[in-house]
PDB file of N, CA and C in Angstrom:
ATOM      1  N   MET A   1      20.500  23.063 -25.897  1.00  0.00           N
ATOM      2  CA  MET A   1      20.097  21.522 -26.355  1.00  0.00           C
ATOM      3  C   MET A   1      18.655  21.226 -25.788  1.00  0.00           C
ATOM      4  N   GLY A   2      18.681  19.922 -26.589  1.00  0.00           N
ATOM      5  CA  GLY A   2      17.238  19.154 -26.198  1.00  0.00           C
ATOM      6  C   GLY A   2      17.497  17.835 -24.734  1.00  0.00           C
ATOM      7  N   THR A   3      16.545  17.665 -24.244  1.00  0.00           N
ATOM      8  CA  THR A   3      16.131  16.870 -23.627  1.00  0.00           C
ATOM      9  C   THR A   3      16.377  15.356 -23.713  1.00  0.00           C
ATOM     10  N   LEU A   4      16.671  14.369 -23.250  1.00  0.00           N
ATOM     11  CA  LEU A   4      16.194  12.880 -23.633  1.00  0.00           C
ATOM     12  C   LEU A   4      16.052  12.460 -22.599  1.00  0.00           C
ATOM     13  N   ILE A   5      15.061  11.228 -22.605  1.00  0.00           N
ATOM     14  CA  ILE A   5      14.332  10.282 -21.481  1.00  0.00           C
ATOM     15  C   ILE A   5      14.623   9.599 -21.900  1.00  0.00           C
ATOM     16  N   VAL A   6      15.322   8.569 -21.018  1.00  0.00           N
ATOM     17  CA  VAL A   6      16.062   7.123 -21.545  1.00  0.00           C
ATOM     18  C   VAL A   6      15.235   5.937 -20.691  1.00  0.00           C
ATOM     19  N   HIS A   7      14.685   4.998 -21.586  1.00  0.00           N
ATOM     20  CA  HIS A   7      14.180   4.083 -20.012  1.00  0.00           C
ATOM     21  C   HIS A   7      15.252   2.731 -20.641  1.00  0.00           C
ATOM     22  N   PRO A   8      16.340   2.538 -19.934  1.00  0.00           N
ATOM     23  CA  PRO A   8      17.065   0.969 -19.934  1.00  0.00           C
ATOM     24  C   PRO A   8      16.108  -0.096 -19.583  1.00  0.00           C
ATOM     25  N   GLU A   9      16.677  -0.970 -19.938  1.00  0.00           N
ATOM     26  CA  GLU A   9      15.407  -2.261 -19.781  1.00  0.00           C
ATOM     27  C   GLU A   9      16.392  -3.102 -18.523  1.00  0.00           C
ATOM     28  N   ASN A  10      17.716  -2.981 -18.301  1.00  0.00           N
ATOM     29  CA  ASN A  10      18.154  -3.512 -17.142  1.00  0.00           C
ATOM     30  C   ASN A  10      19.687  -2.638 -16.673  1.00  0.00           C
ATOM     31  N   LYS A  11      20.411  -3.177 -15.508  1.00  0.00           N
ATOM     32  CA  LYS A  11      21.353  -2.562 -15.078  1.00  0.00           C
ATOM     33  C   LYS A  11      22.236  -2.603 -15.973  1.00  0.00           C
ATOM     34  N   GLU A  12      22.467  -3.479 -16.795  1.00  0.00           N
ATOM     35  CA  GLU A  12      23.744  -3.461 -17.582  1.00  0.00           C
ATOM     36  C   GLU A  12      23.765  -2.283 -18.758  1.00  0.00           C
ATOM     37  N   GLN A  13      22.450  -2.110 -19.224  1.00  0.00           N
ATOM     38  CA  GLN A  13      22.174  -0.973 -20.396  1.00  0.00           C
ATOM     39  C   GLN A  13      21.897   0.335 -19.244  1.00  0.00           C
ATOM     40  N   LEU A  14      21.565   0.439 -18.434  1.00  0.00           N
ATOM     41  CA  LEU A  14      22.160   1.526 -17.517  1.00  0.00           C
ATOM     42  C   LEU A  14      23.452   2.062 -16.790  1.00  0.00           C
ATOM     43  N   SER A  15      24.347   0.959 -16.652  1.00  0.00           N
ATOM     44  CA  SER A  15      25.467   1.548 -16.619  1.00  0.00           C
ATOM     45  C   SER A  15      26.693   1.699 -17.786  1.00  0.00           C
ATOM     46  N   ALA A  16      26.092   0.957 -18.611  1.00  0.00           N
ATOM     47  CA  ALA A  16      26.807   1.321 -20.275  1.00  0.00           C
ATOM     48  C   ALA A  16      26.089   2.969 -20.814  1.00  0.00           C
ATOM     49  N   LEU A  17      25.042   3.426 -20.739  1.00  0.00           N
ATOM     50  CA  LEU A  17      24.825   4.342 -20.715  1.00  0.00           C
ATOM     51  C   LEU A  17      25.135   5.310 -19.817  1.00  0.00           C
ATOM     52  N   LYS A  18      25.397   5.004 -18.511  1.00  0.00           N
ATOM     53  CA  LYS A  18      26.206   6.344 -17.873  1.00  0.00           C
ATOM     54  C   LYS A  18      27.277   6.553 -18.325  1.00  0.00           C
ATOM     55  N   ALA A  19      28.365   5.144 -18.943  1.00  0.00           N
ATOM     56  CA  ALA A  19      29.856   5.153 -18.882  1.00  0.00           C
ATOM     57  C   ALA A  19      29.579   6.023 -19.901  1.00  0.00           C
ATOM     58  N   PHE A  20      29.022   5.995 -21.266  1.00  0.00           N
ATOM     59  CA  PHE A  20      28.699   6.475 -22.121  1.00  0.00           C
ATOM     60  C   PHE A  20      28.650   8.146 -22.216  1.00  0.00           C
ATOM     61  N   MET A  21      27.537   8.370 -21.228  1.00  0.00           N
ATOM     62  CA  MET A  21      27.612   9.841 -20.887  1.00  0.00           C
ATOM     63  C   MET A  21      28.742  10.388 -20.643  1.00  0.00           C
ATOM     64  N   LYS A  22      29.443  10.011 -19.251  1.00  0.00           N
ATOM     65  CA  LYS A  22      30.475  10.139 -18.717  1.00  0.00           C
ATOM     66  C   LYS A  22      31.546  10.403 -19.755  1.00  0.00           C
ATOM     67  N   ALA A  23      31.812   9.491 -20.600  1.00  0.00           N
ATOM     68  CA  ALA A  23      33.185   9.545 -21.432  1.00  0.00           C
ATOM     69  C   ALA A  23      33.001  10.587 -22.170  1.00  0.00           C
ATOM     70  N   PHE A  24      31.673  10.745 -22.881  1.00  0.00           N
ATOM     71  CA  PHE A  24      31.558  12.423 -23.698  1.00  0.00           C
ATOM     72  C   PHE A  24      31.368  13.540 -23.257  1.00  0.00           C
ATOM     73  N   ASN A  25      31.579  13.276 -21.532  1.00  0.00           N
ATOM     74  CA  ASN A  25      31.191  14.735 -21.036  1.00  0.00           C
ATOM     75  C   ASN A  25      29.883  15.139 -21.075  1.00  0.00           C
ATOM     76  N   ILE A  26      28.680  14.425 -21.360  1.00  0.00           N
ATOM     77  CA  ILE A  26      27.046  14.842 -21.338  1.00  0.00           C
ATOM     78  C   ILE A  26      26.770  14.922 -19.688  1.00  0.00           C
ATOM     79  N   SER A  27      26.216  16.045 -19.324  1.00  0.00           N
ATOM     80  CA  SER A  27      25.593  15.812 -18.001  1.00  0.00           C
ATOM     81  C   SER A  27      24.456  15.244 -18.084  1.00  0.00           C
ATOM     82  N   PHE A  28      24.051  14.647 -16.836  1.00  0.00           N
ATOM     83  CA  PHE A  28      22.869  13.883 -16.759  1.00  0.00           C
ATOM     84  C   PHE A  28      22.224  13.867 -15.261  1.00  0.00           C
ATOM     85  N   GLU A  29      21.323  13.606 -15.255  1.00  0.00           N
ATOM     86  CA  GLU A  29      20.476  13.388 -13.765  1.00  0.00           C
ATOM     87  C   GLU A  29      19.971  11.861 -13.614  1.00  0.00           C
ATOM     88  N   GLU A  30      20.139  11.491 -12.543  1.00  0.00           N
ATOM     89  CA  GLU A  30      19.471  10.322 -12.175  1.00  0.00           C
ATOM     90  C   GLU A  30      18.366  10.379 -11.145  1.00  0.00           C
ATOM     91  N   ASN A  31      17.092   9.701 -11.703  1.00  0.00           N
ATOM     92  CA  ASN A  31      15.739   9.862 -11.009  1.00  0.00           C
ATOM     93  C   ASN A  31      15.924   8.439 -10.391  1.00  0.00           C
ATOM     94  N   LYS A  32      16.177   8.319  -9.065  1.00  0.00           N
ATOM     95  CA  LYS A  32      15.801   7.015  -8.386  1.00  0.00           C
ATOM     96  C   LYS A  32      14.448   6.369  -8.296  1.00  0.00           C
ATOM     97  N   GLN A  33      13.538   7.709  -8.266  1.00  0.00           N
ATOM     98  CA  GLN A  33      12.164   7.309  -7.695  1.00  0.00           C
ATOM     99  C   GLN A  33      11.349   7.791  -8.611  1.00  0.00           C
ATOM    100  N   PRO A  34      10.616   6.997  -9.806  1.00  0.00           N
ATOM    101  CA  PRO A  34       9.717   6.840 -10.788  1.00  0.00           C
ATOM    102  C   PRO A  34       8.616   8.002 -10.610  1.00  0.00           C
ATOM    103  N   TYR A  35       8.393   8.113  -9.184  1.00  0.00           N
ATOM    104  CA  TYR A  35       7.202   9.315  -8.843  1.00  0.00           C
ATOM    105  C   TYR A  35       7.403  10.255  -7.800  1.00  0.00           C
ATOM    106  N   LYS A  36       6.396  11.097  -8.046  1.00  0.00           N
ATOM    107  CA  LYS A  36       6.778  12.247  -7.059  1.00  0.00           C
ATOM    108  C   LYS A  36       6.419  11.685  -5.965  1.00  0.00           C
ATOM    109  N   THR A  37       7.068  12.324  -4.647  1.00  0.00           N
ATOM    110  CA  THR A  37       7.143  11.698  -3.053  1.00  0.00           C
ATOM    111  C   THR A  37       5.759  11.825  -2.699  1.00  0.00           C
ATOM    112  N   GLU A  38       4.950  12.780  -3.123  1.00  0.00           N
ATOM    113  CA  GLU A  38       3.495  13.353  -2.246  1.00  0.00           C
ATOM    114  C   GLU A  38       2.856  12.402  -3.206  1.00  0.00           C
ATOM    115  N   PHE A  39       2.777  11.708  -4.349  1.00  0.00           N
ATOM    116  CA  PHE A  39       2.168  11.028  -4.999  1.00  0.00           C
ATOM    117  C   PHE A  39       2.504   9.630  -4.263  1.00  0.00           C
ATOM    118  N   VAL A  40       3.693   9.283  -3.823  1.00  0.00           N
ATOM    119  CA  VAL A  40       3.853   7.924  -3.381  1.00  0.00           C
ATOM    120  C   VAL A  40       3.278   7.960  -1.758  1.00  0.00           C
ATOM    121  N   GLU A  41       2.926   8.792  -1.157  1.00  0.00           N
ATOM    122  CA  GLU A  41       2.654   9.166  -0.088  1.00  0.00           C
ATOM    123  C   GLU A  41       0.879   9.061   0.057  1.00  0.00           C
ATOM    124  N   LYS A  42       0.242   9.464  -0.867  1.00  0.00           N
ATOM    125  CA  LYS A  42      -1.118   9.505  -0.964  1.00  0.00           C
ATOM    126  C   LYS A  42      -1.809   7.905  -1.339  1.00  0.00           C
ATOM    127  N   MET A  43      -0.516   7.457  -1.992  1.00  0.00           N
ATOM    128  CA  MET A  43      -0.996   5.951  -2.367  1.00  0.00           C
ATOM    129  C   MET A  43      -0.959   5.056  -1.327  1.00  0.00           C
ATOM    130  N   LYS A  44       0.420   5.508  -0.362  1.00  0.00           N
ATOM    131  CA  LYS A  44       0.311   4.372   0.896  1.00  0.00           C
ATOM    132  C   LYS A  44      -0.980   4.461   1.732  1.00  0.00           C
ATOM    133  N   ILE A  45      -1.080   5.898   1.609  1.00  0.00           N
ATOM    134  CA  ILE A  45      -2.764   5.847   2.837  1.00  0.00           C
ATOM    135  C   ILE A  45      -3.633   5.651   2.154  1.00  0.00           C
ATOM    136  N   SER A  46      -4.033   5.653   0.448  1.00  0.00           N
ATOM    137  CA  SER A  46      -5.037   4.781   0.190  1.00  0.00           C
ATOM    138  C   SER A  46      -5.010   3.559   0.370  1.00  0.00           C
ATOM    139  N   LYS A  47      -4.010   2.836   0.425  1.00  0.00           N
ATOM    140  CA  LYS A  47      -3.924   1.347   0.610  1.00  0.00           C
ATOM    141  C   LYS A  47      -4.171   1.024   1.785  1.00  0.00           C
ATOM    142  N   GLN A  48      -3.602   1.882   2.556  1.00  0.00           N
ATOM    143  CA  GLN A  48      -3.978   1.736   4.452  1.00  0.00           C
ATOM    144  C   GLN A  48      -5.503   1.728   4.351  1.00  0.00           C
ATOM    145  N   GLN A  49      -6.242   2.815   4.114  1.00  0.00           N
ATOM    146  CA  GLN A  49      -7.118   2.928   3.980  1.00  0.00           C
ATOM    147  C   GLN A  49      -8.158   1.729   3.309  1.00  0.00           C
ATOM    148  N   ALA A  50      -7.854   1.275   2.310  1.00  0.00           N
ATOM    149  CA  ALA A  50      -8.397  -0.094   1.835  1.00  0.00           C
ATOM    150  C   ALA A  50      -8.365  -1.222   2.755  1.00  0.00           C
ATOM    151  N   ALA A  51      -7.065  -1.730   3.158  1.00  0.00           N
ATOM    152  CA  ALA A  51      -6.908  -2.387   4.257  1.00  0.00           C
ATOM    153  C   ALA A  51      -7.674  -2.395   5.526  1.00  0.00           C
ATOM    154  N   ASP A  52      -8.109  -1.186   5.879  1.00  0.00           N
ATOM    155  CA  ASP A  52      -9.025  -1.166   7.198  1.00  0.00           C
ATOM    156  C   ASP A  52     -10.191  -0.998   6.706  1.00  0.00           C
ATOM    157  N   GLY A  53     -10.613  -1.265   5.497  1.00  0.00           N
ATOM    158  CA  GLY A  53     -12.120  -1.554   5.134  1.00  0.00           C
ATOM    159  C   GLY A  53     -12.402  -0.040   5.151  1.00  0.00           C
ATOM    160  N   LYS A  54     -11.846   1.125   4.616  1.00  0.00           N
ATOM    161  CA  LYS A  54     -12.543   2.665   4.995  1.00  0.00           C
ATOM    162  C   LYS A  54     -12.555   2.666   3.445  1.00  0.00           C
ATOM    163  N   THR A  55     -13.211   2.230   3.015  1.00  0.00           N
ATOM    164  CA  THR A  55     -13.781   2.261   1.143  1.00  0.00           C
ATOM    165  C   THR A  55     -15.412   2.849   1.055  1.00  0.00           C
ATOM    166  N   VAL A  56     -15.558   3.475  -0.249  1.00  0.00           N
ATOM    167  CA  VAL A  56     -17.031   3.704  -0.352  1.00  0.00           C
ATOM    168  C   VAL A  56     -17.204   2.725  -1.696  1.00  0.00           C
ATOM    169  N   LYS A  57     -18.617   2.126  -1.959  1.00  0.00           N
ATOM    170  CA  LYS A  57     -18.793   1.045  -3.123  1.00  0.00           C
ATOM    171  C   LYS A  57     -20.034   2.170  -3.737  1.00  0.00           C
ATOM    172  N   VAL A  58     -19.469   2.320  -4.974  1.00  0.00           N
ATOM    173  CA  VAL A  58     -20.388   3.010  -5.915  1.00  0.00           C
ATOM    174  C   VAL A  58     -21.424   2.173  -6.833  1.00  0.00           C
ATOM    175  N   SER A  59     -22.067   2.255  -6.918  1.00  0.00           N
ATOM    176  CA  SER A  59     -22.808   0.976  -7.962  1.00  0.00           C
ATOM    177  C   SER A  59     -22.958   1.585  -9.423  1.00  0.00           C
ATOM    178  N   LEU A  60     -22.857   0.947 -10.405  1.00  0.00           N
ATOM    179  CA  LEU A  60     -22.574   1.175 -11.831  1.00  0.00           C
ATOM    180  C   LEU A  60     -23.900   2.270 -12.183  1.00  0.00           C
ATOM    181  N   ASP A  61     -25.173   2.012 -11.804  1.00  0.00           N
ATOM    182  CA  ASP A  61     -26.021   3.093 -11.735  1.00  0.00           C
ATOM    183  C   ASP A  61     -26.067   4.555 -11.283  1.00  0.00           C
ATOM    184  N   ASP A  62     -25.039   4.643 -10.147  1.00  0.00           N
ATOM    185  CA  ASP A  62     -24.791   6.145  -9.557  1.00  0.00           C
ATOM    186  C   ASP A  62     -24.116   6.594 -10.512  1.00  0.00           C
ATOM    187  N   ILE A  63     -23.037   5.638 -11.524  1.00  0.00           N
ATOM    188  CA  ILE A  63     -22.311   6.101 -12.138  1.00  0.00           C
ATOM    189  C   ILE A  63     -22.681   6.864 -13.691  1.00  0.00           C
ATOM    190  N   TRP A  64     -23.531   6.284 -13.966  1.00  0.00           N
ATOM    191  CA  TRP A  64     -24.205   6.341 -15.509  1.00  0.00           C
ATOM    192  C   TRP A  64     -25.320   7.472 -15.392  1.00  0.00           C
ATOM    193  N   LYS A  65     -25.471   7.967 -14.369  1.00  0.00           N
ATOM    194  CA  LYS A  65     -26.443   9.191 -14.571  1.00  0.00           C
ATOM    195  C   LYS A  65     -26.346  10.553 -14.777  1.00  0.00           C
TER     196      LYS A  65
END
């Protein structure tokens, strides 16, 4: 069959969807983290580098060359 990706807007909707799928014996997976772990780690490193002042400034003239 097909795969659905559902985006409930709140906890009540999430609970209702889970209950519905369980009642109809529909298997599902719950992804508690919306981003891959590797990406999250890279973002943490980047934020720390920015906080430490380890950044590079690029002028607009360098971008449009």
